[in-house]
Structure formats: C-alpha cells, structure tokens
Amino acid sequence: MATKKPLLDIGNRNEEFARLSERMARLDEAFRMILSDFSHHIEVIFFKQEKSDLLNIKADVEYRLFAAQFHLRLLLQHHHDIEEEVQRIYSKDAKQILQEVYPSHPLFDRHQNEANAIFDSIVFHLASIFDYFSAMINFICKKKDRSITKWSNLARACRHPDNAYYALPVGEEIRNQDREFVQKLYEYRSRLIHEKSYVNPIRLTIDVMSGKTQVRFEAASSLCKKFPSLEKKSVDNEITAAFAAKFLMEETITSIVKLLFRLKAHMESHSTYPNHIAGHEIIMLYSEPGTGRAYPMSKPYWEELSKYFQLNL
C-alpha cells in the first residue's frame, strides 16, 4: 500500500492571517498612492467625480479581497467544527466513522460539499477583482475611458499589435500577469461556473493510541495543475484547500501590486506636471532630505512598497 504524502497546510493561523492583513494594508497604500499620482501627473481630481470613480474601484477591489479572506477564515473554522463533530462521534461510536457506507459516507459527503462551496466562493471573489481593476487601468491609461470593465477584454487588447496598449510597458505587464496567473485563475473559475465544482478530497487521520482525529481537505489536483508553483509543491506533498486558498490570495495581491507599479510608471511617462496644476491653491510635494529636491508625495511610499514586496522595478 502506497504511503500517503504529507500534508502541506497553513501553519500558525493567527500569524498567517496577520501576514495577509498586512499585505492587504500595503495594497491599500499602493492604491492611495495611485490616486495621489494621478492628481500629480495627469489631472488634479481632489474635488472631482473622477476621484469618486477611482475610489469606488479601489473600494470594490478591497471588498473582494476582504470577502476572500473572510471565506478563508470560514474554511478554517469549518475544519475546526468538523473535527469536533467527528471526534465526538468517533469517541461515542467509532463504527459510525470507520464503517463503509455505500455508495459514500453521508457525513463526509456533506462536509465535502460545504468545504467546496466555501473554496469556490474564494475563487469567485478573487477572479472578480481583476474585472474591477481592469476598469481602473483603462481609466488611467486611456484618458478616463470607461469602456473596458472586464479583464479578458483588457488582456485581449494588450495582445493585439494594432492596439495602443500593446507597446506600453503596462501592456507588457498585463500580458505577463495574464499568462502567469490571471488567465489560469479565470479558467479555473470558468470550469466551476460552466461545468462543476472540483471535489476537495477529505482526509481523515486517526491516532489509534490517543483516539484523536484530524480532518483536512486536500486541494483538487486540477487546481494544483493550473499553477506551476502549486504543482511543484504537490509532487512531495498533498496541498490542503486552506493552503491553496492562501496561495491564491497572495498571488492575487502580488499581481495587482506589480500592475500598480506599472501604472505609476505610465503616469510618470505621460505626466503633464506642472502645467495641469496651474491655478490650484494646494499642491503637496515631497522634499528629499539632504537635497531639498521636490518629488511627488508618493515617492517614499513607493520605495517602501517596493522593498516590502521585494520587487525589482
């Protein structure tokens, strides 16, 4: 009988959630710097509808991230609740847990469906982020154009040599992120919508000596195969659904941050500063220590964000 591969699961849950929360806070900071740079380089929007438009997109993206994190918390809580239920039943009547039931065990079937429903919600929330974000990219790069509201349309535009996006550095980054991550996430979501939910197999471990039970849900093999880094880890480990969900959240945040840095560079290269700020009463600038040179207020924040996310830009 083949030995079951060890589980690769989330470690300290409190530490992992604190880490995710910090990354989300840094992403919020990056979004705020994008709004600041838009006013500095393109058009002062402090009291205009355009600021509300960009703030609404920012709020939509952050809500979806919050929702994904909330569902990850639900998934972990579900593990805890199931373990307590299985432990209670096993301690009272082990046969109810261990006996084979044809065609499948109703208790574990129910728990699998519940876990699948939560995991699928995480995927749906994360994929929808890129639709919202595509609207912000198009708004900034196409002079407040609101015509693109789907990531697939934006990625398609960036792949077409006749489209203005094709030659832009931000267009290159969109192609990179679409190829390396977003398209894979979309394809997985599409299968969930149009075909079926992939089963996250349940894994029950029982310590015979102590009578303690452990329940975990393994990530569907079809998900691991979509993402090379997950597939590599799955060679020697069984990836849990919780670990896979955390991976998808982290990859989503990293992908968006890389695109935000490209948006920053795009605005700098298309800057009309200082011409467009003439007549405005208040313009805030960052004075570089030592030299006194004036820069956009966002400069030290972008430098810190680049170090935090370990980006070589």
Protein backbone atom coordinates (compact mmCIF):
# COMPACT_ATOMS: atom_id res chain seq x y z
CA MET A 1 0.00 0.00 0.00
CA ALA A 2 1.45 3.37 -1.04
CA THR A 3 2.36 5.78 1.74
CA LYS A 4 0.21 8.87 1.78
CA LYS A 5 2.16 12.04 1.09
CA PRO A 6 2.43 14.53 3.98
CA LEU A 7 0.03 17.45 4.10
CA LEU A 8 1.18 20.96 3.26
CA ASP A 9 -1.17 23.09 5.30
CA ILE A 10 -1.36 26.58 6.81
CA GLY A 11 0.91 26.75 9.85
CA ASN A 12 0.12 29.19 12.63
CA ARG A 13 -3.28 30.53 11.59
CA ASN A 14 -3.03 33.75 13.57
CA GLU A 15 0.37 34.56 12.07
CA GLU A 16 -0.82 33.78 8.55
CA PHE A 17 -3.88 35.98 8.91
CA ALA A 18 -1.77 38.79 10.34
CA ARG A 19 0.57 38.47 7.37
CA LEU A 20 -2.32 38.53 4.89
CA SER A 21 -3.87 41.52 6.63
CA GLU A 22 -0.57 43.41 6.43
CA ARG A 23 -0.25 42.68 2.71
CA MET A 24 -3.80 43.92 2.17
CA ALA A 25 -2.98 47.10 4.12
CA ARG A 26 0.09 47.65 1.92
CA LEU A 27 -2.06 47.15 -1.15
CA ASP A 28 -4.46 49.79 0.15
CA GLU A 29 -1.47 52.12 0.50
CA ALA A 30 -0.45 51.45 -3.11
CA PHE A 31 -3.95 52.29 -4.32
CA ARG A 32 -3.90 55.56 -2.39
CA MET A 33 -0.56 56.44 -3.98
CA ILE A 34 -2.03 55.78 -7.44
CA LEU A 35 -4.78 58.33 -6.73
CA SER A 36 -2.18 60.79 -5.46
CA ASP A 37 -0.02 60.28 -8.57
CA PHE A 38 -3.00 60.72 -10.87
CA SER A 39 -3.52 64.19 -9.44
CA HIS A 40 0.20 64.96 -9.57
CA HIS A 41 0.87 63.76 -13.12
CA ILE A 42 -2.41 63.73 -15.05
CA GLU A 43 -5.24 65.79 -13.57
CA VAL A 44 -5.97 67.27 -10.17
CA ILE A 45 -9.07 65.40 -9.01
CA PHE A 46 -9.32 66.22 -5.30
CA PHE A 47 -12.87 67.55 -5.62
CA LYS A 48 -13.99 65.94 -8.88
CA GLN A 49 -16.15 62.99 -9.89
CA GLU A 50 -13.06 61.24 -11.23
CA LYS A 51 -11.76 60.83 -7.69
CA SER A 52 -15.03 59.19 -6.70
CA ASP A 53 -14.79 56.87 -9.72
CA LEU A 54 -11.29 55.75 -8.78
CA LEU A 55 -12.19 55.47 -5.09
CA ASN A 56 -15.18 53.28 -5.98
CA ILE A 57 -12.98 50.91 -7.97
CA LYS A 58 -10.47 50.80 -5.10
CA ALA A 59 -13.32 50.01 -2.68
CA ASP A 60 -14.63 47.23 -4.95
CA VAL A 61 -11.19 45.58 -5.18
CA GLU A 62 -10.63 45.79 -1.44
CA TYR A 63 -14.09 44.44 -0.66
CA ARG A 64 -13.44 41.37 -2.80
CA LEU A 65 -10.13 40.78 -1.03
CA PHE A 66 -11.84 41.15 2.33
CA ALA A 67 -14.55 38.69 1.23
CA ALA A 68 -11.91 36.16 0.11
CA GLN A 69 -10.08 36.48 3.43
CA PHE A 70 -13.37 36.11 5.31
CA HIS A 71 -14.18 32.91 3.41
CA LEU A 72 -10.70 31.57 4.17
CA ARG A 73 -11.45 32.17 7.84
CA LEU A 74 -14.75 30.30 7.37
CA LEU A 75 -12.90 27.41 5.75
CA LEU A 76 -10.53 27.13 8.70
CA GLN A 77 -13.42 27.41 11.17
CA HIS A 78 -15.22 24.71 9.21
CA HIS A 79 -12.21 22.42 9.68
CA HIS A 80 -12.36 23.00 13.42
CA ASP A 81 -16.11 22.34 13.60
CA ILE A 82 -15.84 19.16 11.56
CA GLU A 83 -13.01 17.84 13.71
CA GLU A 84 -15.08 18.41 16.83
CA GLU A 85 -18.08 16.66 15.29
CA VAL A 86 -16.04 13.70 14.02
CA GLN A 87 -14.19 13.45 17.35
CA ARG A 88 -17.49 13.42 19.25
CA ILE A 89 -19.00 10.72 17.04
CA TYR A 90 -15.79 8.65 16.99
CA SER A 91 -15.48 8.76 20.79
CA LYS A 92 -19.11 7.69 21.20
CA ASP A 93 -19.32 5.08 18.43
CA ALA A 94 -16.19 4.63 16.27
CA LYS A 95 -18.07 2.39 13.85
CA GLN A 96 -20.17 5.34 12.63
CA ILE A 97 -16.95 6.95 11.35
CA LEU A 98 -14.99 3.89 10.23
CA GLN A 99 -17.66 1.75 8.57
CA GLU A 100 -18.00 1.84 4.81
CA VAL A 101 -21.34 3.19 3.62
CA TYR A 102 -22.48 2.55 0.05
CA PRO A 103 -22.16 4.48 -2.21
CA SER A 104 -20.43 7.03 0.04
CA HIS A 105 -20.41 8.24 3.62
CA PRO A 106 -23.21 10.83 4.04
CA LEU A 107 -21.41 12.68 6.86
CA PHE A 108 -18.24 13.22 4.84
CA ASP A 109 -20.18 13.95 1.66
CA ARG A 110 -21.95 16.80 3.42
CA HIS A 111 -18.72 18.20 4.82
CA GLN A 112 -17.03 17.97 1.42
CA ASN A 113 -19.84 19.90 -0.23
CA GLU A 114 -19.68 22.57 2.47
CA ALA A 115 -15.91 22.94 2.09
CA ASN A 116 -16.18 23.03 -1.70
CA ALA A 117 -18.80 25.78 -1.50
CA ILE A 118 -16.56 27.95 0.66
CA PHE A 119 -13.48 27.34 -1.50
CA ASP A 120 -15.39 28.12 -4.71
CA SER A 121 -16.51 31.43 -3.19
CA ILE A 122 -12.87 32.37 -2.60
CA VAL A 123 -12.07 31.70 -6.26
CA PHE A 124 -15.08 33.74 -7.44
CA HIS A 125 -14.17 36.74 -5.29
CA LEU A 126 -10.51 36.72 -6.33
CA ALA A 127 -11.23 36.41 -10.04
CA SER A 128 -13.75 39.27 -9.95
CA ILE A 129 -11.06 41.58 -8.55
CA PHE A 130 -9.34 41.71 -11.92
CA ASP A 131 -12.52 42.81 -13.68
CA TYR A 132 -12.80 45.78 -11.34
CA PHE A 133 -9.12 46.53 -11.61
CA SER A 134 -9.17 46.47 -15.43
CA ALA A 135 -11.58 49.42 -15.28
CA MET A 136 -9.03 51.42 -13.26
CA ILE A 137 -6.20 50.56 -15.65
CA ASN A 138 -8.24 51.61 -18.66
CA PHE A 139 -9.46 54.78 -16.91
CA ILE A 140 -5.89 55.89 -16.22
CA CYS A 141 -4.22 54.77 -19.45
CA LYS A 142 -6.97 55.77 -21.86
CA LYS A 143 -7.75 59.26 -20.53
CA LYS A 144 -10.72 58.38 -18.35
CA ASP A 145 -12.16 55.87 -20.82
CA ARG A 146 -14.77 53.70 -19.08
CA SER A 147 -15.37 51.25 -21.95
CA ILE A 148 -13.38 48.29 -20.58
CA THR A 149 -14.80 46.63 -17.48
CA LYS A 150 -13.56 43.05 -17.97
CA TRP A 151 -10.05 41.74 -17.54
CA SER A 152 -10.43 39.41 -20.53
CA ASN A 153 -11.13 42.39 -22.82
CA LEU A 154 -8.16 44.29 -21.44
CA ALA A 155 -5.81 41.33 -21.82
CA ARG A 156 -7.05 40.77 -25.37
CA ALA A 157 -6.35 44.42 -26.22
CA CYS A 158 -2.82 44.12 -24.84
CA ARG A 159 -2.12 41.08 -27.06
CA HIS A 160 -3.15 42.83 -30.29
CA PRO A 161 -0.22 44.57 -32.06
CA ASP A 162 -2.55 47.20 -33.54
CA ASN A 163 -3.86 48.25 -30.13
CA ALA A 164 -2.23 51.18 -28.31
CA TYR A 165 -1.83 49.02 -25.19
CA TYR A 166 0.45 46.58 -26.98
CA ALA A 167 3.57 48.76 -26.95
CA LEU A 168 3.04 50.23 -23.48
CA PRO A 169 5.07 48.88 -20.51
CA VAL A 170 1.79 48.46 -18.62
CA GLY A 171 0.51 46.42 -21.58
CA GLU A 172 3.52 44.15 -21.32
CA GLU A 173 2.89 43.67 -17.59
CA ILE A 174 -0.78 42.89 -18.23
CA ARG A 175 0.29 40.19 -20.70
CA ASN A 176 2.76 38.82 -18.15
CA GLN A 177 0.24 38.69 -15.31
CA ASP A 178 -2.45 37.25 -17.57
CA ARG A 179 -0.15 34.49 -18.79
CA GLU A 180 1.40 33.64 -15.42
CA PHE A 181 -1.61 33.89 -13.12
CA VAL A 182 -4.85 35.64 -14.05
CA GLN A 183 -5.80 33.54 -17.06
CA LYS A 184 -5.25 30.36 -15.03
CA LEU A 185 -7.48 31.73 -12.26
CA TYR A 186 -10.14 32.68 -14.83
CA GLU A 187 -10.03 29.28 -16.49
CA TYR A 188 -10.47 27.55 -13.16
CA ARG A 189 -13.39 29.82 -12.26
CA SER A 190 -14.93 29.22 -15.67
CA ARG A 191 -14.87 25.46 -15.14
CA LEU A 192 -16.59 25.94 -11.78
CA ILE A 193 -19.31 28.05 -13.39
CA HIS A 194 -19.92 26.13 -16.58
CA GLU A 195 -19.14 22.56 -15.63
CA LYS A 196 -18.84 21.53 -12.00
CA SER A 197 -17.15 22.16 -8.71
CA TYR A 198 -13.97 20.18 -8.28
CA VAL A 199 -14.01 17.99 -5.21
CA ASN A 200 -11.56 18.83 -2.46
CA PRO A 201 -10.98 15.30 -1.10
CA ILE A 202 -11.43 14.84 2.62
CA ARG A 203 -8.55 13.31 4.58
CA LEU A 204 -9.27 11.75 7.96
CA THR A 205 -6.37 10.83 10.22
CA ILE A 206 -6.93 8.90 13.43
CA ASP A 207 -4.35 8.34 16.13
CA VAL A 208 -5.35 4.90 17.36
CA MET A 209 -3.48 5.24 20.66
CA SER A 210 -4.98 8.57 21.71
CA GLY A 211 -8.22 8.36 19.74
CA LYS A 212 -7.64 11.87 18.36
CA THR A 213 -8.94 12.67 14.88
CA GLN A 214 -7.77 15.20 12.32
CA VAL A 215 -9.80 16.29 9.28
CA ARG A 216 -8.34 18.20 6.38
CA PHE A 217 -9.49 18.93 2.84
CA GLU A 218 -6.95 18.46 0.08
CA ALA A 219 -6.90 20.88 -2.83
CA ALA A 220 -8.29 19.40 -6.03
CA SER A 221 -5.49 18.08 -8.25
CA SER A 222 -6.94 20.07 -11.17
CA LEU A 223 -6.28 23.31 -9.24
CA CYS A 224 -2.67 22.40 -8.43
CA LYS A 225 -2.00 21.55 -12.07
CA LYS A 226 -3.13 25.04 -13.11
CA PHE A 227 -0.39 26.81 -11.17
CA PRO A 228 3.23 25.63 -11.63
CA SER A 229 4.39 26.56 -8.10
CA LEU A 230 1.49 24.63 -6.54
CA GLU A 231 2.06 21.70 -8.87
CA LYS A 232 5.74 21.63 -7.87
CA LYS A 233 4.82 21.54 -4.18
CA SER A 234 2.27 18.79 -4.82
CA VAL A 235 4.97 16.38 -6.04
CA ASP A 236 6.05 15.65 -2.47
CA ASN A 237 3.02 16.92 -0.56
CA GLU A 238 -0.73 16.86 -0.55
CA ILE A 239 -1.78 20.51 -0.70
CA THR A 240 -4.67 21.43 1.58
CA ALA A 241 -7.53 23.55 0.34
CA ALA A 242 -6.68 26.14 3.00
CA PHE A 243 -3.07 26.38 1.81
CA ALA A 244 -4.23 26.68 -1.81
CA ALA A 245 -6.69 29.44 -0.89
CA LYS A 246 -3.95 31.39 0.91
CA PHE A 247 -1.69 30.90 -2.11
CA LEU A 248 -4.34 32.31 -4.46
CA MET A 249 -4.87 35.34 -2.22
CA GLU A 250 -1.15 36.10 -2.00
CA GLU A 251 -0.69 35.69 -5.76
CA THR A 252 -3.64 37.99 -6.42
CA ILE A 253 -2.20 40.72 -4.20
CA THR A 254 1.27 40.39 -5.75
CA SER A 255 -0.16 40.52 -9.27
CA ILE A 256 -2.14 43.69 -8.54
CA VAL A 257 0.85 45.37 -6.88
CA LYS A 258 3.05 44.70 -9.91
CA LEU A 259 0.40 46.24 -12.15
CA LEU A 260 0.07 49.26 -9.86
CA PHE A 261 3.79 49.90 -10.15
CA ARG A 262 3.44 49.82 -13.94
CA LEU A 263 0.53 52.25 -13.70
CA LYS A 264 2.74 54.53 -11.64
CA ALA A 265 5.44 54.39 -14.31
CA HIS A 266 2.86 55.00 -17.04
CA MET A 267 1.63 58.17 -15.34
CA GLU A 268 5.18 59.39 -14.84
CA SER A 269 5.97 58.92 -18.54
CA HIS A 270 2.75 60.73 -19.55
CA SER A 271 3.00 63.43 -16.90
CA THR A 272 1.88 66.97 -17.72
CA TYR A 273 3.22 68.29 -14.42
CA PRO A 274 3.45 71.19 -13.65
CA ASN A 275 1.24 72.56 -16.44
CA HIS A 276 -2.01 70.96 -15.29
CA ILE A 277 -1.69 72.15 -11.70
CA ALA A 278 -1.68 75.86 -12.56
CA GLY A 279 -4.36 77.72 -10.65
CA HIS A 280 -4.77 75.14 -7.90
CA GLU A 281 -4.31 76.55 -4.43
CA ILE A 282 -2.84 73.50 -2.68
CA ILE A 283 -0.25 71.15 -4.16
CA MET A 284 1.66 68.88 -1.78
CA LEU A 285 5.19 67.78 -2.66
CA TYR A 286 7.83 65.60 -1.03
CA SER A 287 11.13 67.31 -0.27
CA GLU A 288 14.03 64.88 -0.46
CA PRO A 289 16.18 65.02 2.69
CA GLY A 290 19.65 66.37 2.00
CA THR A 291 18.98 67.70 -1.49
CA GLY A 292 15.70 69.54 -0.98
CA ARG A 293 14.56 68.40 -4.43
CA ALA A 294 10.78 68.23 -4.86
CA TYR A 295 9.08 64.98 -5.84
CA PRO A 296 5.52 63.65 -5.79
CA MET A 297 4.25 62.96 -2.29
CA SER A 298 4.11 59.26 -3.14
CA LYS A 299 7.85 58.81 -3.70
CA PRO A 300 8.92 57.46 -0.26
CA TYR A 301 5.82 55.24 -0.08
CA TRP A 302 6.55 53.60 -3.44
CA GLU A 303 10.15 52.97 -2.34
CA GLU A 304 8.97 51.30 0.86
CA LEU A 305 6.36 49.23 -1.01
CA SER A 306 8.99 48.05 -3.49
CA LYS A 307 11.13 46.78 -0.60
CA TYR A 308 8.19 45.18 1.17
CA PHE A 309 7.04 43.23 -1.90
CA GLN A 310 10.64 42.57 -2.99
CA LEU A 311 10.11 43.95 -6.46
CA ASN A 312 12.98 44.68 -8.84
CA LEU A 313 11.47 47.51 -10.87
